[in-house]
Amino acid sequence: MKLFDLTGKWALVTGASRGLGQAMAIGLANAGAKIICVSSRHGGCDKTLEIIHNSGGEAQALFADFSDLAAVKALAIEALDIAGTIDILVNNAGTIARSPAIDFPLEDWQNVMSVNTDAVFVLSQIIGKAMIEKGAGKIINTASLLSYSGGITVPAYTASKHAIAGLTKALANEWAQFNIQVNAIAPGYFKTDNTQALQDDPQRNAEISKRIPSGRWGEPEDLAGATIFLASPASNYINGHILAVDGGWLAR
């Protein structure tokens, strides 16, 4: 299975402290990659490191405030100093704020856009430059079902995830010529902290579950295969693609 072998590759995974990012980091480590796990606070990735180390993998942790673009730039430089090269960049860190659009606080809008979109561009720009110089690289962004639809009471999150879909295609258009594949994963409804309010709402939970052809919410581990695929040689001719991992939600 050399097509999916990541042995010796360095992967930088943001938002790796729990949930989807943790599962993506562990999946890449199980495929042989060396992982730099990133969270928003010191010690945030301790559990992820423990899991990877206990399975015989190699990983270390960094942290940064993703609303602070200077800190994001410093993170990118530090990661490159540690690894020498980043072969795989997984832009997964994100945040969400819920409020009706008419009352949505401007500071919440700015924070969501900064974390979900601006930080992704800054990281991709710095790491991407190093990938261009090397002549190879994989960038995987975390999009969303709200890259396709509008959602309810999450205008900033929706705007940010539409932006991620567009940015993925824009970077692919420019960087494919340098043997860099830029793609995104659009998770469906997964059991994470971000969706806890929906999981706890009996009516919304039932409505969502009914629409998913697979008949269940996703578990974070369901993203591992897609992440490995987009990080591996198996996806070398896939670029600018948004891969929905949604149990069939978009098909219904």
C-alpha atoms as a PDB file:
ATOM      1  CA  MET A   1       0.000   0.000   0.000  1.00  0.00           C
ATOM      2  CA  LYS A   2       2.775   2.411  -0.919  1.00  0.00           C
ATOM      3  CA  LEU A   3       0.189   4.794  -2.387  1.00  0.00           C
ATOM      4  CA  PHE A   4      -0.957   5.581   1.151  1.00  0.00           C
ATOM      5  CA  ASP A   5       2.392   5.351   2.940  1.00  0.00           C
ATOM      6  CA  LEU A   6       3.436   8.582   4.682  1.00  0.00           C
ATOM      7  CA  THR A   7       6.587   7.271   6.317  1.00  0.00           C
ATOM      8  CA  GLY A   8       9.120  10.051   6.839  1.00  0.00           C
ATOM      9  CA  LYS A   9       6.708  12.858   5.957  1.00  0.00           C
ATOM     10  CA  TRP A  10       6.210  15.832   8.270  1.00  0.00           C
ATOM     11  CA  ALA A  11       2.623  16.947   8.851  1.00  0.00           C
ATOM     12  CA  LEU A  12       1.499  20.135  10.582  1.00  0.00           C
ATOM     13  CA  VAL A  13      -2.045  19.726  11.905  1.00  0.00           C
ATOM     14  CA  THR A  14      -3.844  22.681  13.480  1.00  0.00           C
ATOM     15  CA  GLY A  15      -6.740  22.279  15.873  1.00  0.00           C
ATOM     16  CA  ALA A  16      -5.306  18.906  16.871  1.00  0.00           C
ATOM     17  CA  SER A  17      -6.209  18.966  20.558  1.00  0.00           C
ATOM     18  CA  ARG A  18      -9.500  17.079  20.200  1.00  0.00           C
ATOM     19  CA  GLY A  19     -12.324  16.163  17.858  1.00  0.00           C
ATOM     20  CA  LEU A  20     -11.732  16.172  14.116  1.00  0.00           C
ATOM     21  CA  GLY A  21      -8.201  17.556  14.261  1.00  0.00           C
ATOM     22  CA  GLN A  22      -7.105  14.987  16.800  1.00  0.00           C
ATOM     23  CA  ALA A  23      -8.489  12.165  14.656  1.00  0.00           C
ATOM     24  CA  MET A  24      -6.781  13.582  11.553  1.00  0.00           C
ATOM     25  CA  ALA A  25      -3.431  13.843  13.358  1.00  0.00           C
ATOM     26  CA  ILE A  26      -3.685  10.299  14.714  1.00  0.00           C
ATOM     27  CA  GLY A  27      -4.669   8.957  11.302  1.00  0.00           C
ATOM     28  CA  LEU A  28      -1.666  10.589   9.635  1.00  0.00           C
ATOM     29  CA  ALA A  29       0.629   9.292  12.387  1.00  0.00           C
ATOM     30  CA  ASN A  30      -0.719   5.761  11.915  1.00  0.00           C
ATOM     31  CA  ALA A  31       0.165   6.064   8.221  1.00  0.00           C
ATOM     32  CA  GLY A  32       3.765   6.857   9.168  1.00  0.00           C
ATOM     33  CA  ALA A  33       3.884  10.661   9.252  1.00  0.00           C
ATOM     34  CA  LYS A  34       5.688  12.663  11.919  1.00  0.00           C
ATOM     35  CA  ILE A  35       3.210  15.115  13.392  1.00  0.00           C
ATOM     36  CA  ILE A  36       3.448  18.659  14.694  1.00  0.00           C
ATOM     37  CA  CYS A  37       0.181  19.056  16.588  1.00  0.00           C
ATOM     38  CA  VAL A  38      -1.067  22.596  17.106  1.00  0.00           C
ATOM     39  CA  SER A  39      -3.633  23.929  19.554  1.00  0.00           C
ATOM     40  CA  SER A  40      -4.597  27.354  20.827  1.00  0.00           C
ATOM     41  CA  ARG A  41      -3.032  26.897  24.273  1.00  0.00           C
ATOM     42  CA  HIS A  42       0.054  25.416  25.868  1.00  0.00           C
ATOM     43  CA  GLY A  43      -0.520  21.743  26.690  1.00  0.00           C
ATOM     44  CA  GLY A  44      -3.656  21.577  24.589  1.00  0.00           C
ATOM     45  CA  CYS A  45      -2.370  18.654  22.513  1.00  0.00           C
ATOM     46  CA  ASP A  46      -1.068  16.545  25.407  1.00  0.00           C
ATOM     47  CA  LYS A  47      -3.729  13.848  24.934  1.00  0.00           C
ATOM     48  CA  THR A  48      -3.111  13.681  21.182  1.00  0.00           C
ATOM     49  CA  LEU A  49       0.626  13.309  21.767  1.00  0.00           C
ATOM     50  CA  GLU A  50      -0.006  10.565  24.308  1.00  0.00           C
ATOM     51  CA  ILE A  51      -2.150   8.582  21.864  1.00  0.00           C
ATOM     52  CA  ILE A  52       0.365   8.926  19.029  1.00  0.00           C
ATOM     53  CA  HIS A  53       3.369   8.069  21.202  1.00  0.00           C
ATOM     54  CA  ASN A  54       1.613   5.050  22.716  1.00  0.00           C
ATOM     55  CA  SER A  55       1.035   3.687  19.223  1.00  0.00           C
ATOM     56  CA  GLY A  56       4.706   4.095  18.343  1.00  0.00           C
ATOM     57  CA  GLY A  57       4.380   7.311  16.378  1.00  0.00           C
ATOM     58  CA  GLU A  58       6.396  10.514  16.476  1.00  0.00           C
ATOM     59  CA  ALA A  59       4.777  13.827  17.413  1.00  0.00           C
ATOM     60  CA  GLN A  60       5.372  17.109  19.169  1.00  0.00           C
ATOM     61  CA  ALA A  61       3.219  20.094  19.984  1.00  0.00           C
ATOM     62  CA  LEU A  62       3.097  23.824  19.362  1.00  0.00           C
ATOM     63  CA  PHE A  63       0.457  26.390  20.217  1.00  0.00           C
ATOM     64  CA  ALA A  64      -0.731  29.740  18.912  1.00  0.00           C
ATOM     65  CA  ASP A  65      -3.646  32.135  19.185  1.00  0.00           C
ATOM     66  CA  PHE A  66      -5.179  31.859  15.710  1.00  0.00           C
ATOM     67  CA  SER A  67      -6.867  35.232  16.026  1.00  0.00           C
ATOM     68  CA  ASP A  68      -3.394  36.791  16.232  1.00  0.00           C
ATOM     69  CA  LEU A  69      -1.861  36.675  12.763  1.00  0.00           C
ATOM     70  CA  ALA A  70       1.584  37.584  14.086  1.00  0.00           C
ATOM     71  CA  ALA A  71       1.398  34.484  16.293  1.00  0.00           C
ATOM     72  CA  VAL A  72       0.295  32.403  13.291  1.00  0.00           C
ATOM     73  CA  LYS A  73       3.297  33.601  11.284  1.00  0.00           C
ATOM     74  CA  ALA A  74       5.601  32.757  14.180  1.00  0.00           C
ATOM     75  CA  LEU A  75       4.001  29.300  14.389  1.00  0.00           C
ATOM     76  CA  ALA A  76       4.694  28.606  10.726  1.00  0.00           C
ATOM     77  CA  ILE A  77       8.323  29.654  11.041  1.00  0.00           C
ATOM     78  CA  GLU A  78       8.826  27.584  14.184  1.00  0.00           C
ATOM     79  CA  ALA A  79       7.287  24.511  12.553  1.00  0.00           C
ATOM     80  CA  LEU A  80       9.611  24.852   9.567  1.00  0.00           C
ATOM     81  CA  ASP A  81      12.592  25.263  11.915  1.00  0.00           C
ATOM     82  CA  ILE A  82      11.630  22.063  13.746  1.00  0.00           C
ATOM     83  CA  ALA A  83      10.905  19.883  10.726  1.00  0.00           C
ATOM     84  CA  GLY A  84      13.124  21.459   8.114  1.00  0.00           C
ATOM     85  CA  THR A  85      10.235  20.935   5.732  1.00  0.00           C
ATOM     86  CA  ILE A  86       6.484  20.501   6.024  1.00  0.00           C
ATOM     87  CA  ASP A  87       5.180  17.932   3.551  1.00  0.00           C
ATOM     88  CA  ILE A  88       1.544  18.050   4.685  1.00  0.00           C
ATOM     89  CA  LEU A  89      -0.347  21.046   6.057  1.00  0.00           C
ATOM     90  CA  VAL A  90      -3.758  20.378   7.577  1.00  0.00           C
ATOM     91  CA  ASN A  91      -5.608  23.638   8.230  1.00  0.00           C
ATOM     92  CA  ASN A  92      -8.223  22.447  10.677  1.00  0.00           C
ATOM     93  CA  ALA A  93      -8.270  24.994  13.518  1.00  0.00           C
ATOM     94  CA  GLY A  94     -11.570  26.842  13.670  1.00  0.00           C
ATOM     95  CA  THR A  95     -14.188  28.488  15.820  1.00  0.00           C
ATOM     96  CA  ILE A  96     -17.916  29.214  15.626  1.00  0.00           C
ATOM     97  CA  ALA A  97     -20.296  31.788  17.099  1.00  0.00           C
ATOM     98  CA  ARG A  98     -24.081  31.513  17.045  1.00  0.00           C
ATOM     99  CA  SER A  99     -26.471  34.456  16.894  1.00  0.00           C
ATOM    100  CA  PRO A 100     -29.209  35.686  14.541  1.00  0.00           C
ATOM    101  CA  ALA A 101     -27.640  37.734  11.760  1.00  0.00           C
ATOM    102  CA  ILE A 102     -29.505  40.900  12.754  1.00  0.00           C
ATOM    103  CA  ASP A 103     -27.888  40.803  16.214  1.00  0.00           C
ATOM    104  CA  PHE A 104     -24.575  39.161  15.322  1.00  0.00           C
ATOM    105  CA  PRO A 105     -21.773  40.999  17.188  1.00  0.00           C
ATOM    106  CA  LEU A 106     -19.128  42.499  14.925  1.00  0.00           C
ATOM    107  CA  GLU A 107     -16.366  41.322  17.246  1.00  0.00           C
ATOM    108  CA  ASP A 108     -17.612  37.724  16.886  1.00  0.00           C
ATOM    109  CA  TRP A 109     -17.697  38.113  13.097  1.00  0.00           C
ATOM    110  CA  GLN A 110     -14.124  39.399  13.038  1.00  0.00           C
ATOM    111  CA  ASN A 111     -12.855  36.664  15.367  1.00  0.00           C
ATOM    112  CA  VAL A 112     -14.455  33.842  13.368  1.00  0.00           C
ATOM    113  CA  MET A 113     -13.157  35.210  10.076  1.00  0.00           C
ATOM    114  CA  SER A 114      -9.680  35.734  11.505  1.00  0.00           C
ATOM    115  CA  VAL A 115      -9.387  32.220  12.935  1.00  0.00           C
ATOM    116  CA  ASN A 116     -11.202  30.324  10.172  1.00  0.00           C
ATOM    117  CA  THR A 117      -9.993  32.195   7.096  1.00  0.00           C
ATOM    118  CA  ASP A 118      -7.187  34.700   7.676  1.00  0.00           C
ATOM    119  CA  ALA A 119      -5.037  32.267   9.683  1.00  0.00           C
ATOM    120  CA  VAL A 120      -5.509  29.579   7.029  1.00  0.00           C
ATOM    121  CA  PHE A 121      -4.274  31.942   4.322  1.00  0.00           C
ATOM    122  CA  VAL A 122      -1.272  33.073   6.361  1.00  0.00           C
ATOM    123  CA  LEU A 123      -0.211  29.512   7.213  1.00  0.00           C
ATOM    124  CA  SER A 124      -0.746  28.337   3.638  1.00  0.00           C
ATOM    125  CA  GLN A 125       1.228  31.265   2.264  1.00  0.00           C
ATOM    126  CA  ILE A 126       4.287  30.657   4.442  1.00  0.00           C
ATOM    127  CA  ILE A 127       4.263  26.854   4.327  1.00  0.00           C
ATOM    128  CA  GLY A 128       3.260  26.946   0.662  1.00  0.00           C
ATOM    129  CA  LYS A 129       6.302  29.023  -0.221  1.00  0.00           C
ATOM    130  CA  ALA A 130       8.544  26.365   1.312  1.00  0.00           C
ATOM    131  CA  MET A 131       6.624  23.653  -0.579  1.00  0.00           C
ATOM    132  CA  ILE A 132       7.101  25.550  -3.849  1.00  0.00           C
ATOM    133  CA  GLU A 133      10.848  25.752  -3.244  1.00  0.00           C
ATOM    134  CA  LYS A 134      10.894  21.986  -2.590  1.00  0.00           C
ATOM    135  CA  GLY A 135       8.621  21.171  -5.538  1.00  0.00           C
ATOM    136  CA  ALA A 136       6.058  19.114  -3.614  1.00  0.00           C
ATOM    137  CA  GLY A 137       3.440  19.388  -0.911  1.00  0.00           C
ATOM    138  CA  LYS A 138      -0.065  18.614   0.275  1.00  0.00           C
ATOM    139  CA  ILE A 139      -2.430  21.157   1.805  1.00  0.00           C
ATOM    140  CA  ILE A 140      -5.715  19.957   3.280  1.00  0.00           C
ATOM    141  CA  ASN A 141      -8.232  22.529   4.464  1.00  0.00           C
ATOM    142  CA  THR A 142     -11.264  21.798   6.614  1.00  0.00           C
ATOM    143  CA  ALA A 143     -14.348  23.075   4.838  1.00  0.00           C
ATOM    144  CA  SER A 144     -17.911  22.275   5.916  1.00  0.00           C
ATOM    145  CA  LEU A 145     -21.397  21.471   4.698  1.00  0.00           C
ATOM    146  CA  LEU A 146     -21.802  25.210   5.204  1.00  0.00           C
ATOM    147  CA  SER A 147     -19.375  25.673   2.317  1.00  0.00           C
ATOM    148  CA  TYR A 148     -22.429  24.698   0.253  1.00  0.00           C
ATOM    149  CA  SER A 149     -25.388  26.073   2.218  1.00  0.00           C
ATOM    150  CA  GLY A 150     -26.220  29.015   4.452  1.00  0.00           C
ATOM    151  CA  GLY A 151     -26.999  27.496   7.823  1.00  0.00           C
ATOM    152  CA  ILE A 152     -29.007  29.251  10.522  1.00  0.00           C
ATOM    153  CA  THR A 153     -27.635  31.798  13.039  1.00  0.00           C
ATOM    154  CA  VAL A 154     -24.015  31.170  11.970  1.00  0.00           C
ATOM    155  CA  PRO A 155     -23.384  33.876   9.326  1.00  0.00           C
ATOM    156  CA  ALA A 156     -19.677  34.328  10.086  1.00  0.00           C
ATOM    157  CA  TYR A 157     -18.953  30.600  10.155  1.00  0.00           C
ATOM    158  CA  THR A 158     -20.829  30.128   6.883  1.00  0.00           C
ATOM    159  CA  ALA A 159     -18.960  32.988   5.224  1.00  0.00           C
ATOM    160  CA  SER A 160     -15.632  31.630   6.461  1.00  0.00           C
ATOM    161  CA  LYS A 161     -16.302  28.133   5.143  1.00  0.00           C
ATOM    162  CA  HIS A 162     -17.436  29.418   1.752  1.00  0.00           C
ATOM    163  CA  ALA A 163     -14.150  31.335   1.753  1.00  0.00           C
ATOM    164  CA  ILE A 164     -12.210  28.159   2.534  1.00  0.00           C
ATOM    165  CA  ALA A 165     -13.771  26.404  -0.460  1.00  0.00           C
ATOM    166  CA  GLY A 166     -12.817  29.316  -2.704  1.00  0.00           C
ATOM    167  CA  LEU A 167      -9.324  29.653  -1.267  1.00  0.00           C
ATOM    168  CA  THR A 168      -8.722  25.938  -1.773  1.00  0.00           C
ATOM    169  CA  LYS A 169      -9.496  26.282  -5.473  1.00  0.00           C
ATOM    170  CA  ALA A 170      -7.534  29.523  -5.848  1.00  0.00           C
ATOM    171  CA  LEU A 171      -4.373  28.062  -4.311  1.00  0.00           C
ATOM    172  CA  ALA A 172      -4.741  24.866  -6.346  1.00  0.00           C
ATOM    173  CA  ASN A 173      -4.934  26.941  -9.529  1.00  0.00           C
ATOM    174  CA  GLU A 174      -1.679  28.719  -8.706  1.00  0.00           C
ATOM    175  CA  TRP A 175       0.317  25.949  -7.054  1.00  0.00           C
ATOM    176  CA  ALA A 176      -0.556  22.778  -8.985  1.00  0.00           C
ATOM    177  CA  GLN A 177       2.263  23.629 -11.393  1.00  0.00           C
ATOM    178  CA  PHE A 178       4.695  23.186  -8.490  1.00  0.00           C
ATOM    179  CA  ASN A 179       3.427  19.669  -7.663  1.00  0.00           C
ATOM    180  CA  ILE A 180       1.393  20.931  -4.704  1.00  0.00           C
ATOM    181  CA  GLN A 181      -2.080  19.514  -4.198  1.00  0.00           C
ATOM    182  CA  VAL A 182      -4.507  21.781  -2.346  1.00  0.00           C
ATOM    183  CA  ASN A 183      -7.798  20.163  -1.397  1.00  0.00           C
ATOM    184  CA  ALA A 184     -10.389  20.358   1.355  1.00  0.00           C
ATOM    185  CA  ILE A 185     -12.529  18.009   3.389  1.00  0.00           C
ATOM    186  CA  ALA A 186     -16.111  19.056   4.073  1.00  0.00           C
ATOM    187  CA  PRO A 187     -17.246  17.114   7.160  1.00  0.00           C
ATOM    188  CA  GLY A 188     -20.947  16.514   7.615  1.00  0.00           C
ATOM    189  CA  TYR A 189     -22.562  16.383  11.038  1.00  0.00           C
ATOM    190  CA  PHE A 190     -19.941  14.981  13.400  1.00  0.00           C
ATOM    191  CA  LYS A 191     -20.037  14.413  17.135  1.00  0.00           C
ATOM    192  CA  THR A 192     -17.740  17.218  18.295  1.00  0.00           C
ATOM    193  CA  ASP A 193     -17.779  20.111  20.753  1.00  0.00           C
ATOM    194  CA  ASN A 194     -18.886  22.483  17.969  1.00  0.00           C
ATOM    195  CA  THR A 195     -22.080  20.515  17.378  1.00  0.00           C
ATOM    196  CA  GLN A 196     -22.875  19.711  21.012  1.00  0.00           C
ATOM    197  CA  ALA A 197     -25.787  22.161  21.085  1.00  0.00           C
ATOM    198  CA  LEU A 198     -27.347  20.424  18.087  1.00  0.00           C
ATOM    199  CA  GLN A 199     -26.739  16.984  19.551  1.00  0.00           C
ATOM    200  CA  ASP A 200     -28.450  18.062  22.777  1.00  0.00           C
ATOM    201  CA  ASP A 201     -31.511  19.460  20.971  1.00  0.00           C
ATOM    202  CA  PRO A 202     -33.914  16.503  20.571  1.00  0.00           C
ATOM    203  CA  GLN A 203     -35.769  18.046  17.632  1.00  0.00           C
ATOM    204  CA  ARG A 204     -32.706  19.175  15.661  1.00  0.00           C
ATOM    205  CA  ASN A 205     -30.851  15.941  16.427  1.00  0.00           C
ATOM    206  CA  ALA A 206     -33.758  13.906  15.078  1.00  0.00           C
ATOM    207  CA  GLU A 207     -34.117  16.111  11.977  1.00  0.00           C
ATOM    208  CA  ILE A 208     -30.420  15.844  11.173  1.00  0.00           C
ATOM    209  CA  SER A 209     -30.197  12.104  11.788  1.00  0.00           C
ATOM    210  CA  LYS A 210     -33.233  11.485   9.579  1.00  0.00           C
ATOM    211  CA  ARG A 211     -31.592  13.211   6.611  1.00  0.00           C
ATOM    212  CA  ILE A 212     -28.264  11.349   6.814  1.00  0.00           C
ATOM    213  CA  PRO A 213     -28.501   8.257   4.555  1.00  0.00           C
ATOM    214  CA  SER A 214     -25.941   6.457   6.718  1.00  0.00           C
ATOM    215  CA  GLY A 215     -28.367   6.871   9.626  1.00  0.00           C
ATOM    216  CA  ARG A 216     -25.866   8.257  12.130  1.00  0.00           C
ATOM    217  CA  TRP A 217     -23.727  11.252  12.989  1.00  0.00           C
ATOM    218  CA  GLY A 218     -20.070  10.970  12.037  1.00  0.00           C
ATOM    219  CA  GLU A 219     -17.399  10.048  14.543  1.00  0.00           C
ATOM    220  CA  PRO A 220     -14.074  11.934  14.338  1.00  0.00           C
ATOM    221  CA  GLU A 221     -12.330   8.716  13.308  1.00  0.00           C
ATOM    222  CA  ASP A 222     -14.440   8.698  10.129  1.00  0.00           C
ATOM    223  CA  LEU A 223     -12.196  11.489   8.784  1.00  0.00           C
ATOM    224  CA  ALA A 224      -8.931   9.559   9.074  1.00  0.00           C
ATOM    225  CA  GLY A 225      -9.185   7.732   5.752  1.00  0.00           C
ATOM    226  CA  ALA A 226     -10.010  10.843   3.728  1.00  0.00           C
ATOM    227  CA  THR A 227      -7.159  12.735   5.381  1.00  0.00           C
ATOM    228  CA  ILE A 228      -4.620  10.016   4.660  1.00  0.00           C
ATOM    229  CA  PHE A 229      -5.834   9.808   1.060  1.00  0.00           C
ATOM    230  CA  LEU A 230      -5.463  13.549   0.416  1.00  0.00           C
ATOM    231  CA  ALA A 231      -2.064  13.566   2.158  1.00  0.00           C
ATOM    232  CA  SER A 232      -0.695  10.600   0.218  1.00  0.00           C
ATOM    233  CA  PRO A 233       0.619   9.894  -3.312  1.00  0.00           C
ATOM    234  CA  ALA A 234      -2.772   8.294  -4.038  1.00  0.00           C
ATOM    235  CA  SER A 235      -4.211  11.813  -4.550  1.00  0.00           C
ATOM    236  CA  ASN A 236      -1.419  13.258  -6.691  1.00  0.00           C
ATOM    237  CA  TYR A 237      -3.795  14.109  -9.567  1.00  0.00           C
ATOM    238  CA  ILE A 238      -6.537  15.564  -7.360  1.00  0.00           C
ATOM    239  CA  ASN A 239      -6.428  19.322  -6.921  1.00  0.00           C
ATOM    240  CA  GLY A 240      -8.863  22.023  -5.876  1.00  0.00           C
ATOM    241  CA  HIS A 241     -11.396  19.418  -4.775  1.00  0.00           C
ATOM    242  CA  ILE A 242     -13.810  19.670  -1.845  1.00  0.00           C
ATOM    243  CA  LEU A 243     -14.353  16.132  -0.545  1.00  0.00           C
ATOM    244  CA  ALA A 244     -17.575  15.753   1.410  1.00  0.00           C
ATOM    245  CA  VAL A 245     -17.388  13.221   4.217  1.00  0.00           C
ATOM    246  CA  ASP A 246     -20.996  13.438   5.286  1.00  0.00           C
ATOM    247  CA  GLY A 247     -22.636  10.040   5.365  1.00  0.00           C
ATOM    248  CA  GLY A 248     -24.508  10.992   2.199  1.00  0.00           C
ATOM    249  CA  TRP A 249     -26.071  14.234   3.501  1.00  0.00           C
ATOM    250  CA  LEU A 250     -25.497  16.159   0.269  1.00  0.00           C
ATOM    251  CA  ALA A 251     -26.926  13.329  -1.819  1.00  0.00           C
ATOM    252  CA  ARG A 252     -30.352  13.521  -0.178  1.00  0.00           C
END
